[in-house]
Amino acid sequence: MKSSLIPTFHADHRSGSLDLTERWRLSVALLLAGVARKARSRSRPQTRVRSDLLNPALWNAIEAPQGRLANRAWELARGQQPAWLLNHGLRTHAWAQAFGVIAGLAPDREALFAAAMLHDAGLTPAAPTPANHCFAVRGARYAASSLKEVAAPATLNLVAEAIARHLDLQVDPGDGAEAHLLQAGAMADVLGHRVQQLPLALRTHVLTVHPRLQMKEELCRCMTKEITLAPHTRVDCYVRRIDFLSLIRQAPFEE
C-alpha cells in the first residue's frame, strides 16, 4: 500500500474533515490494508516475543517521565478525564514506549508522554468545540495551547502533531518518532494491534496497574457521538467502512 494514497491530518488542519477525494482514498486504503492483513495471517507464523525484551530498559521505558511538560500534561489529564480515559492514556504511553524499545527509536520522552495523556482530550469538556471538527484536531489545538508555558515551540509541535495524527491509518517513523509511536500505542490499546509482541509479564503489569474499566463500551459511546457531531472525519470513515465499533469490542482484552 502506497502511503501517498492515505490522507494525513496535521495539527494545523482547518477541521480534520475529509473531502470527497480524501474519503475515497481512505476507503481504498482501508480495503487494501484489510486484504494485506489477511494475506499476512495466512502466510506468516505468529510473531514471537523476543527474549531480550525482558530487560530493565523495557521496564524503565514504560514509566512516566518527570519534568515540567510531563507533570503539566499529567495534571491536565487527571483533572479533566474520567478514570477509564486516564488509564487509556497511561497504557497508550506504555505500549508506545515498549514499541519504541523494540524498534530502537528514541522519542522525546516527555513529549510522547504528554501526547499520550492528552491525545483524546477532544473527547472531554476540555476541548469540545468546534463540535463538528475532528476530536484529534481539537485535542491537538488544546494541547498546544495548554502546554505552551512549559515547553518550547518545537516540542509543542511534536506533541500536537502526534495527537492530530494518532487517527491516521499510517504514521511512519520518518514522520517523527513521537507521532509514529503514539499511533502504534493507541492502536494497541484500542484494537490490540501488536500487543502479542510484548512480553506477557509486561502486558499483565500494565493492565493490572492501569485497568481498562469498561473502556470498550465507553469508547464506542464516544465514537458514536463523534460521528454524529463530526461526519466525514477519519473516525466516521472507519466506523462506516470497517465497522470500527465491532473491532473495538473484539480487541483481545478483558474489561
C-alpha atoms as a PDB file:
ATOM      1  CA  MET A   1       0.000   0.000   0.000  1.00  0.00           C
ATOM      2  CA  LYS A   2       1.456   3.336  -1.040  1.00  0.00           C
ATOM      3  CA  SER A   3       1.476   5.834   1.786  1.00  0.00           C
ATOM      4  CA  SER A   4       0.708   8.626  -0.705  1.00  0.00           C
ATOM      5  CA  LEU A   5      -2.782   7.180  -1.018  1.00  0.00           C
ATOM      6  CA  ILE A   6      -3.598   7.692   2.638  1.00  0.00           C
ATOM      7  CA  PRO A   7      -4.809  11.115   3.814  1.00  0.00           C
ATOM      8  CA  THR A   8      -2.828  12.651   6.665  1.00  0.00           C
ATOM      9  CA  PHE A   9      -4.037  15.269   9.115  1.00  0.00           C
ATOM     10  CA  HIS A  10      -1.659  17.657  10.795  1.00  0.00           C
ATOM     11  CA  ALA A  11      -2.208  19.822  13.844  1.00  0.00           C
ATOM     12  CA  ASP A  12      -2.883  22.915  11.735  1.00  0.00           C
ATOM     13  CA  HIS A  13      -5.638  21.283   9.662  1.00  0.00           C
ATOM     14  CA  ARG A  14      -8.691  23.513   9.464  1.00  0.00           C
ATOM     15  CA  SER A  15     -11.179  20.923  10.761  1.00  0.00           C
ATOM     16  CA  GLY A  16      -9.967  17.335  10.381  1.00  0.00           C
ATOM     17  CA  SER A  17     -12.783  16.577   7.929  1.00  0.00           C
ATOM     18  CA  LEU A  18     -12.230  14.526   4.790  1.00  0.00           C
ATOM     19  CA  ASP A  19     -13.273  15.947   1.449  1.00  0.00           C
ATOM     20  CA  LEU A  20     -14.793  13.645  -1.157  1.00  0.00           C
ATOM     21  CA  THR A  21     -11.452  12.695  -2.704  1.00  0.00           C
ATOM     22  CA  GLU A  22      -9.901  12.017   0.695  1.00  0.00           C
ATOM     23  CA  ARG A  23     -12.868   9.847   1.708  1.00  0.00           C
ATOM     24  CA  TRP A  24     -12.401   7.798  -1.453  1.00  0.00           C
ATOM     25  CA  ARG A  25      -8.652   7.489  -0.910  1.00  0.00           C
ATOM     26  CA  LEU A  26      -9.057   6.419   2.703  1.00  0.00           C
ATOM     27  CA  SER A  27     -11.757   3.902   1.779  1.00  0.00           C
ATOM     28  CA  VAL A  28      -9.454   2.332  -0.823  1.00  0.00           C
ATOM     29  CA  ALA A  29      -6.555   2.311   1.638  1.00  0.00           C
ATOM     30  CA  LEU A  30      -8.724   0.537   4.227  1.00  0.00           C
ATOM     31  CA  LEU A  31      -9.713  -2.073   1.653  1.00  0.00           C
ATOM     32  CA  LEU A  32      -6.097  -2.677   0.659  1.00  0.00           C
ATOM     33  CA  ALA A  33      -4.997  -2.835   4.291  1.00  0.00           C
ATOM     34  CA  GLY A  34      -7.635  -5.472   5.015  1.00  0.00           C
ATOM     35  CA  VAL A  35      -6.518  -7.579   2.066  1.00  0.00           C
ATOM     36  CA  ALA A  36      -2.867  -7.284   3.093  1.00  0.00           C
ATOM     37  CA  ARG A  37      -3.675  -8.200   6.694  1.00  0.00           C
ATOM     38  CA  LYS A  38      -5.498 -11.363   5.627  1.00  0.00           C
ATOM     39  CA  ALA A  39      -2.627 -12.335   3.332  1.00  0.00           C
ATOM     40  CA  ARG A  40      -0.110 -11.914   6.148  1.00  0.00           C
ATOM     41  CA  SER A  41      -2.187 -14.000   8.532  1.00  0.00           C
ATOM     42  CA  ARG A  42      -2.217 -16.869   6.029  1.00  0.00           C
ATOM     43  CA  SER A  43       1.440 -16.748   5.032  1.00  0.00           C
ATOM     44  CA  ARG A  44       3.354 -15.796   8.171  1.00  0.00           C
ATOM     45  CA  PRO A  45       3.797 -17.537  11.522  1.00  0.00           C
ATOM     46  CA  GLN A  46       2.652 -15.686  14.604  1.00  0.00           C
ATOM     47  CA  THR A  47       5.179 -13.092  15.743  1.00  0.00           C
ATOM     48  CA  ARG A  48       7.214 -14.351  18.651  1.00  0.00           C
ATOM     49  CA  VAL A  49       8.231 -12.277  21.629  1.00  0.00           C
ATOM     50  CA  ARG A  50      11.961 -11.635  21.641  1.00  0.00           C
ATOM     51  CA  SER A  51      13.554 -12.920  24.833  1.00  0.00           C
ATOM     52  CA  ASP A  52      15.914  -9.939  25.002  1.00  0.00           C
ATOM     53  CA  LEU A  53      12.934  -7.678  25.654  1.00  0.00           C
ATOM     54  CA  LEU A  54      12.796  -8.956  29.208  1.00  0.00           C
ATOM     55  CA  ASN A  55      15.321  -6.377  30.286  1.00  0.00           C
ATOM     56  CA  PRO A  56      15.439  -3.297  32.520  1.00  0.00           C
ATOM     57  CA  ALA A  57      15.430  -0.889  29.562  1.00  0.00           C
ATOM     58  CA  LEU A  58      11.956  -2.032  28.545  1.00  0.00           C
ATOM     59  CA  TRP A  59      10.553  -1.713  32.056  1.00  0.00           C
ATOM     60  CA  ASN A  60      12.205   1.661  32.578  1.00  0.00           C
ATOM     61  CA  ALA A  61      10.781   2.960  29.304  1.00  0.00           C
ATOM     62  CA  ILE A  62       7.160   2.411  30.297  1.00  0.00           C
ATOM     63  CA  GLU A  63       7.449   4.507  33.460  1.00  0.00           C
ATOM     64  CA  ALA A  64       6.126   8.063  33.305  1.00  0.00           C
ATOM     65  CA  PRO A  65       8.928  10.596  32.842  1.00  0.00           C
ATOM     66  CA  GLN A  66       9.454  13.549  35.151  1.00  0.00           C
ATOM     67  CA  GLY A  67       9.710  17.173  34.050  1.00  0.00           C
ATOM     68  CA  ARG A  68       7.663  20.321  33.643  1.00  0.00           C
ATOM     69  CA  LEU A  69       5.964  19.176  30.439  1.00  0.00           C
ATOM     70  CA  ALA A  70       5.168  15.667  31.659  1.00  0.00           C
ATOM     71  CA  ASN A  71       3.938  16.925  35.013  1.00  0.00           C
ATOM     72  CA  ARG A  72       1.684  19.544  33.430  1.00  0.00           C
ATOM     73  CA  ALA A  73       0.204  17.012  30.998  1.00  0.00           C
ATOM     74  CA  TRP A  74      -0.475  14.629  33.870  1.00  0.00           C
ATOM     75  CA  GLU A  75      -2.091  17.407  35.890  1.00  0.00           C
ATOM     76  CA  LEU A  76      -4.379  18.354  32.987  1.00  0.00           C
ATOM     77  CA  ALA A  77      -5.334  14.759  32.213  1.00  0.00           C
ATOM     78  CA  ARG A  78      -6.035  13.855  35.834  1.00  0.00           C
ATOM     79  CA  GLY A  79      -8.206  16.925  36.297  1.00  0.00           C
ATOM     80  CA  GLN A  80     -10.300  16.550  33.141  1.00  0.00           C
ATOM     81  CA  GLN A  81     -10.584  12.906  32.164  1.00  0.00           C
ATOM     82  CA  PRO A  82     -12.720  10.089  33.556  1.00  0.00           C
ATOM     83  CA  ALA A  83     -10.789   7.186  35.054  1.00  0.00           C
ATOM     84  CA  TRP A  84     -11.194   4.894  32.038  1.00  0.00           C
ATOM     85  CA  LEU A  85      -9.783   7.536  29.689  1.00  0.00           C
ATOM     86  CA  LEU A  86      -6.960   8.469  32.045  1.00  0.00           C
ATOM     87  CA  ASN A  87      -5.908   4.821  32.199  1.00  0.00           C
ATOM     88  CA  HIS A  88      -6.178   4.555  28.415  1.00  0.00           C
ATOM     89  CA  GLY A  89      -3.631   7.355  28.133  1.00  0.00           C
ATOM     90  CA  LEU A  90      -1.270   5.668  30.598  1.00  0.00           C
ATOM     91  CA  ARG A  91      -1.494   2.323  28.784  1.00  0.00           C
ATOM     92  CA  THR A  92      -1.076   4.008  25.399  1.00  0.00           C
ATOM     93  CA  HIS A  93       2.122   5.574  26.687  1.00  0.00           C
ATOM     94  CA  ALA A  94       3.389   2.238  27.998  1.00  0.00           C
ATOM     95  CA  TRP A  95       2.692   0.375  24.738  1.00  0.00           C
ATOM     96  CA  ALA A  96       4.191   3.227  22.698  1.00  0.00           C
ATOM     97  CA  GLN A  97       7.400   3.262  24.719  1.00  0.00           C
ATOM     98  CA  ALA A  98       7.679  -0.527  24.568  1.00  0.00           C
ATOM     99  CA  PHE A  99       7.344  -0.474  20.791  1.00  0.00           C
ATOM    100  CA  GLY A 100       9.985   2.227  20.730  1.00  0.00           C
ATOM    101  CA  VAL A 101      12.407  -0.063  22.556  1.00  0.00           C
ATOM    102  CA  ILE A 102      11.665  -2.854  20.077  1.00  0.00           C
ATOM    103  CA  ALA A 103      12.316  -0.569  17.101  1.00  0.00           C
ATOM    104  CA  GLY A 104      15.329   1.152  18.604  1.00  0.00           C
ATOM    105  CA  LEU A 105      13.643   4.555  18.456  1.00  0.00           C
ATOM    106  CA  ALA A 106      14.493   7.399  20.817  1.00  0.00           C
ATOM    107  CA  PRO A 107      11.478   9.715  21.133  1.00  0.00           C
ATOM    108  CA  ASP A 108      11.355  12.799  23.281  1.00  0.00           C
ATOM    109  CA  ARG A 109      10.044  11.036  26.371  1.00  0.00           C
ATOM    110  CA  GLU A 110       8.183  13.976  27.845  1.00  0.00           C
ATOM    111  CA  ALA A 111       6.624  14.909  24.502  1.00  0.00           C
ATOM    112  CA  LEU A 112       5.439  11.350  23.936  1.00  0.00           C
ATOM    113  CA  PHE A 113       4.017  11.133  27.451  1.00  0.00           C
ATOM    114  CA  ALA A 114       2.212  14.460  27.063  1.00  0.00           C
ATOM    115  CA  ALA A 115       0.780  13.382  23.722  1.00  0.00           C
ATOM    116  CA  ALA A 116      -0.367  10.049  25.150  1.00  0.00           C
ATOM    117  CA  MET A 117      -2.063  11.650  28.126  1.00  0.00           C
ATOM    118  CA  LEU A 118      -3.863  14.296  26.046  1.00  0.00           C
ATOM    119  CA  HIS A 119      -4.438  12.502  22.744  1.00  0.00           C
ATOM    120  CA  ASP A 120      -8.154  12.082  23.481  1.00  0.00           C
ATOM    121  CA  ALA A 121      -8.691  15.461  25.129  1.00  0.00           C
ATOM    122  CA  GLY A 122     -11.095  16.245  22.295  1.00  0.00           C
ATOM    123  CA  LEU A 123     -13.487  13.672  23.766  1.00  0.00           C
ATOM    124  CA  THR A 124     -13.708  15.647  27.015  1.00  0.00           C
ATOM    125  CA  PRO A 125     -15.189  19.005  28.053  1.00  0.00           C
ATOM    126  CA  ALA A 126     -11.629  20.403  27.896  1.00  0.00           C
ATOM    127  CA  ALA A 127     -11.765  20.689  24.082  1.00  0.00           C
ATOM    128  CA  PRO A 128     -15.408  20.433  22.983  1.00  0.00           C
ATOM    129  CA  THR A 129     -15.530  22.986  20.196  1.00  0.00           C
ATOM    130  CA  PRO A 130     -15.997  23.308  17.312  1.00  0.00           C
ATOM    131  CA  ALA A 131     -18.062  20.159  17.768  1.00  0.00           C
ATOM    132  CA  ASN A 132     -18.045  19.417  14.023  1.00  0.00           C
ATOM    133  CA  HIS A 133     -14.240  19.272  13.918  1.00  0.00           C
ATOM    134  CA  CYS A 134     -12.298  16.010  14.335  1.00  0.00           C
ATOM    135  CA  PHE A 135     -11.677  15.378  18.026  1.00  0.00           C
ATOM    136  CA  ALA A 136      -7.983  14.653  17.382  1.00  0.00           C
ATOM    137  CA  VAL A 137      -7.511  18.050  15.740  1.00  0.00           C
ATOM    138  CA  ARG A 138      -9.389  19.721  18.603  1.00  0.00           C
ATOM    139  CA  GLY A 139      -7.179  17.869  21.045  1.00  0.00           C
ATOM    140  CA  ALA A 140      -4.012  18.921  19.237  1.00  0.00           C
ATOM    141  CA  ARG A 141      -5.020  22.577  19.443  1.00  0.00           C
ATOM    142  CA  TYR A 142      -5.898  22.213  23.110  1.00  0.00           C
ATOM    143  CA  ALA A 143      -2.574  20.557  23.956  1.00  0.00           C
ATOM    144  CA  ALA A 144      -0.546  23.187  22.112  1.00  0.00           C
ATOM    145  CA  SER A 145      -2.387  25.960  23.936  1.00  0.00           C
ATOM    146  CA  SER A 146      -2.384  24.375  27.395  1.00  0.00           C
ATOM    147  CA  LEU A 147       1.275  23.328  27.386  1.00  0.00           C
ATOM    148  CA  LYS A 148       2.853  26.430  25.851  1.00  0.00           C
ATOM    149  CA  GLU A 149       4.122  27.720  29.207  1.00  0.00           C
ATOM    150  CA  VAL A 150       6.135  24.552  29.921  1.00  0.00           C
ATOM    151  CA  ALA A 151       7.579  23.593  26.530  1.00  0.00           C
ATOM    152  CA  ALA A 152       9.463  25.143  23.641  1.00  0.00           C
ATOM    153  CA  PRO A 153       7.593  25.655  20.341  1.00  0.00           C
ATOM    154  CA  ALA A 154       9.419  22.767  18.667  1.00  0.00           C
ATOM    155  CA  THR A 155       8.401  20.397  21.468  1.00  0.00           C
ATOM    156  CA  LEU A 156       4.818  21.654  21.407  1.00  0.00           C
ATOM    157  CA  ASN A 157       4.757  20.868  17.705  1.00  0.00           C
ATOM    158  CA  LEU A 158       5.855  17.284  18.400  1.00  0.00           C
ATOM    159  CA  VAL A 159       3.012  16.868  20.886  1.00  0.00           C
ATOM    160  CA  ALA A 160       0.343  18.490  18.716  1.00  0.00           C
ATOM    161  CA  GLU A 161       1.385  16.631  15.558  1.00  0.00           C
ATOM    162  CA  ALA A 162       1.356  13.288  17.366  1.00  0.00           C
ATOM    163  CA  ILE A 163      -2.140  13.946  18.717  1.00  0.00           C
ATOM    164  CA  ALA A 164      -3.550  15.130  15.396  1.00  0.00           C
ATOM    165  CA  ARG A 165      -2.087  12.156  13.543  1.00  0.00           C
ATOM    166  CA  HIS A 166      -2.919   9.386  16.007  1.00  0.00           C
ATOM    167  CA  LEU A 167      -6.073   8.611  13.999  1.00  0.00           C
ATOM    168  CA  ASP A 168      -4.182   8.360  10.710  1.00  0.00           C
ATOM    169  CA  LEU A 169      -4.212   4.907   9.168  1.00  0.00           C
ATOM    170  CA  GLN A 170      -0.453   5.013   8.736  1.00  0.00           C
ATOM    171  CA  VAL A 171       2.234   7.033  10.521  1.00  0.00           C
ATOM    172  CA  ASP A 172       5.790   6.125   9.514  1.00  0.00           C
ATOM    173  CA  PRO A 173       8.838   6.539  11.789  1.00  0.00           C
ATOM    174  CA  GLY A 174      10.073   9.170   9.350  1.00  0.00           C
ATOM    175  CA  ASP A 175       7.054  11.263  10.272  1.00  0.00           C
ATOM    176  CA  GLY A 176       8.513  11.590  13.764  1.00  0.00           C
ATOM    177  CA  ALA A 177       9.130   9.011  16.456  1.00  0.00           C
ATOM    178  CA  GLU A 178       6.539  10.570  18.751  1.00  0.00           C
ATOM    179  CA  ALA A 179       3.735  10.530  16.164  1.00  0.00           C
ATOM    180  CA  HIS A 180       4.650   7.037  14.971  1.00  0.00           C
ATOM    181  CA  LEU A 181       4.755   5.566  18.465  1.00  0.00           C
ATOM    182  CA  LEU A 182       1.631   7.332  19.722  1.00  0.00           C
ATOM    183  CA  GLN A 183      -0.370   5.928  16.809  1.00  0.00           C
ATOM    184  CA  ALA A 184       1.091   2.465  17.472  1.00  0.00           C
ATOM    185  CA  GLY A 185       0.344   2.692  21.191  1.00  0.00           C
ATOM    186  CA  ALA A 186      -3.216   3.869  20.649  1.00  0.00           C
ATOM    187  CA  MET A 187      -3.884   1.112  18.100  1.00  0.00           C
ATOM    188  CA  ALA A 188      -2.516  -1.422  20.560  1.00  0.00           C
ATOM    189  CA  ASP A 189      -4.779  -0.274  23.373  1.00  0.00           C
ATOM    190  CA  VAL A 190      -7.914   0.193  21.273  1.00  0.00           C
ATOM    191  CA  LEU A 191      -7.639  -2.778  18.899  1.00  0.00           C
ATOM    192  CA  GLY A 192      -4.934  -4.979  20.436  1.00  0.00           C
ATOM    193  CA  HIS A 193      -2.693  -4.424  17.416  1.00  0.00           C
ATOM    194  CA  ARG A 194       0.801  -5.908  18.011  1.00  0.00           C
ATOM    195  CA  VAL A 195       0.409  -6.315  21.778  1.00  0.00           C
ATOM    196  CA  GLN A 196       1.259 -10.006  21.455  1.00  0.00           C
ATOM    197  CA  GLN A 197       4.781  -8.910  20.502  1.00  0.00           C
ATOM    198  CA  LEU A 198       5.312  -7.678  24.048  1.00  0.00           C
ATOM    199  CA  PRO A 199       6.281  -9.921  26.972  1.00  0.00           C
ATOM    200  CA  LEU A 200       3.334 -11.369  28.847  1.00  0.00           C
ATOM    201  CA  ALA A 201       4.742 -10.150  32.155  1.00  0.00           C
ATOM    202  CA  LEU A 202       4.842  -6.579  30.882  1.00  0.00           C
ATOM    203  CA  ARG A 203       1.330  -6.764  29.413  1.00  0.00           C
ATOM    204  CA  THR A 204      -0.027  -8.183  32.660  1.00  0.00           C
ATOM    205  CA  HIS A 205       1.699  -5.488  34.686  1.00  0.00           C
ATOM    206  CA  VAL A 206       0.381  -2.600  32.578  1.00  0.00           C
ATOM    207  CA  LEU A 207      -3.174  -3.952  32.515  1.00  0.00           C
ATOM    208  CA  THR A 208      -3.121  -4.561  36.266  1.00  0.00           C
ATOM    209  CA  VAL A 209      -1.712  -1.186  37.240  1.00  0.00           C
ATOM    210  CA  HIS A 210      -3.911   0.694  34.751  1.00  0.00           C
ATOM    211  CA  PRO A 211      -7.108  -1.401  34.432  1.00  0.00           C
ATOM    212  CA  ARG A 212      -9.393  -0.877  31.446  1.00  0.00           C
ATOM    213  CA  LEU A 213     -12.567  -0.063  33.418  1.00  0.00           C
ATOM    214  CA  GLN A 214     -15.045  -0.993  30.657  1.00  0.00           C
ATOM    215  CA  MET A 215     -13.138   1.061  28.108  1.00  0.00           C
ATOM    216  CA  LYS A 216     -14.584  -0.739  25.090  1.00  0.00           C
ATOM    217  CA  GLU A 217     -18.160   0.377  25.682  1.00  0.00           C
ATOM    218  CA  GLU A 218     -17.133   3.816  26.919  1.00  0.00           C
ATOM    219  CA  LEU A 219     -15.052   4.407  23.808  1.00  0.00           C
ATOM    220  CA  CYS A 220     -17.763   3.083  21.497  1.00  0.00           C
ATOM    221  CA  ARG A 221     -20.178   5.509  23.123  1.00  0.00           C
ATOM    222  CA  CYS A 222     -17.770   8.379  22.450  1.00  0.00           C
ATOM    223  CA  MET A 223     -17.171   7.293  18.857  1.00  0.00           C
ATOM    224  CA  THR A 224     -20.917   7.066  18.193  1.00  0.00           C
ATOM    225  CA  LYS A 225     -21.331  10.605  19.467  1.00  0.00           C
ATOM    226  CA  GLU A 226     -18.406  11.875  17.413  1.00  0.00           C
ATOM    227  CA  ILE A 227     -19.609  10.517  14.074  1.00  0.00           C
ATOM    228  CA  THR A 228     -22.939  12.216  14.691  1.00  0.00           C
ATOM    229  CA  LEU A 229     -21.392  15.584  15.540  1.00  0.00           C
ATOM    230  CA  ALA A 230     -18.447  15.424  13.138  1.00  0.00           C
ATOM    231  CA  PRO A 231     -19.323  13.471   9.985  1.00  0.00           C
ATOM    232  CA  HIS A 232     -16.751  12.843   7.224  1.00  0.00           C
ATOM    233  CA  THR A 233     -13.856  12.556   9.668  1.00  0.00           C
ATOM    234  CA  ARG A 234     -11.411   9.659   9.867  1.00  0.00           C
ATOM    235  CA  VAL A 235     -13.384   8.005  12.671  1.00  0.00           C
ATOM    236  CA  ASP A 236     -16.583   8.317  10.675  1.00  0.00           C
ATOM    237  CA  CYS A 237     -14.912   6.579   7.726  1.00  0.00           C
ATOM    238  CA  TYR A 238     -13.539   3.811   9.955  1.00  0.00           C
ATOM    239  CA  VAL A 239     -16.939   3.174  11.528  1.00  0.00           C
ATOM    240  CA  ARG A 240     -18.738   3.053   8.200  1.00  0.00           C
ATOM    241  CA  ARG A 241     -16.121   1.194   6.138  1.00  0.00           C
ATOM    242  CA  ILE A 242     -14.595  -1.351   8.532  1.00  0.00           C
ATOM    243  CA  ASP A 243     -17.110  -1.480  11.409  1.00  0.00           C
ATOM    244  CA  PHE A 244     -14.675   0.156  13.801  1.00  0.00           C
ATOM    245  CA  LEU A 245     -17.000  -0.248  16.780  1.00  0.00           C
ATOM    246  CA  SER A 246     -17.041  -4.031  16.365  1.00  0.00           C
ATOM    247  CA  LEU A 247     -13.248  -4.056  16.096  1.00  0.00           C
ATOM    248  CA  ILE A 248     -13.031  -2.156  19.377  1.00  0.00           C
ATOM    249  CA  ARG A 249     -15.309  -4.656  21.087  1.00  0.00           C
ATOM    250  CA  GLN A 250     -13.324  -7.599  19.666  1.00  0.00           C
ATOM    251  CA  ALA A 251      -9.967  -6.363  20.992  1.00  0.00           C
ATOM    252  CA  PRO A 252      -8.146  -9.123  22.929  1.00  0.00           C
ATOM    253  CA  PHE A 253      -8.593  -7.596  26.359  1.00  0.00           C
ATOM    254  CA  GLU A 254     -10.747  -8.492  29.307  1.00  0.00           C
ATOM    255  CA  GLU A 255     -12.680  -5.487  30.551  1.00  0.00           C
END
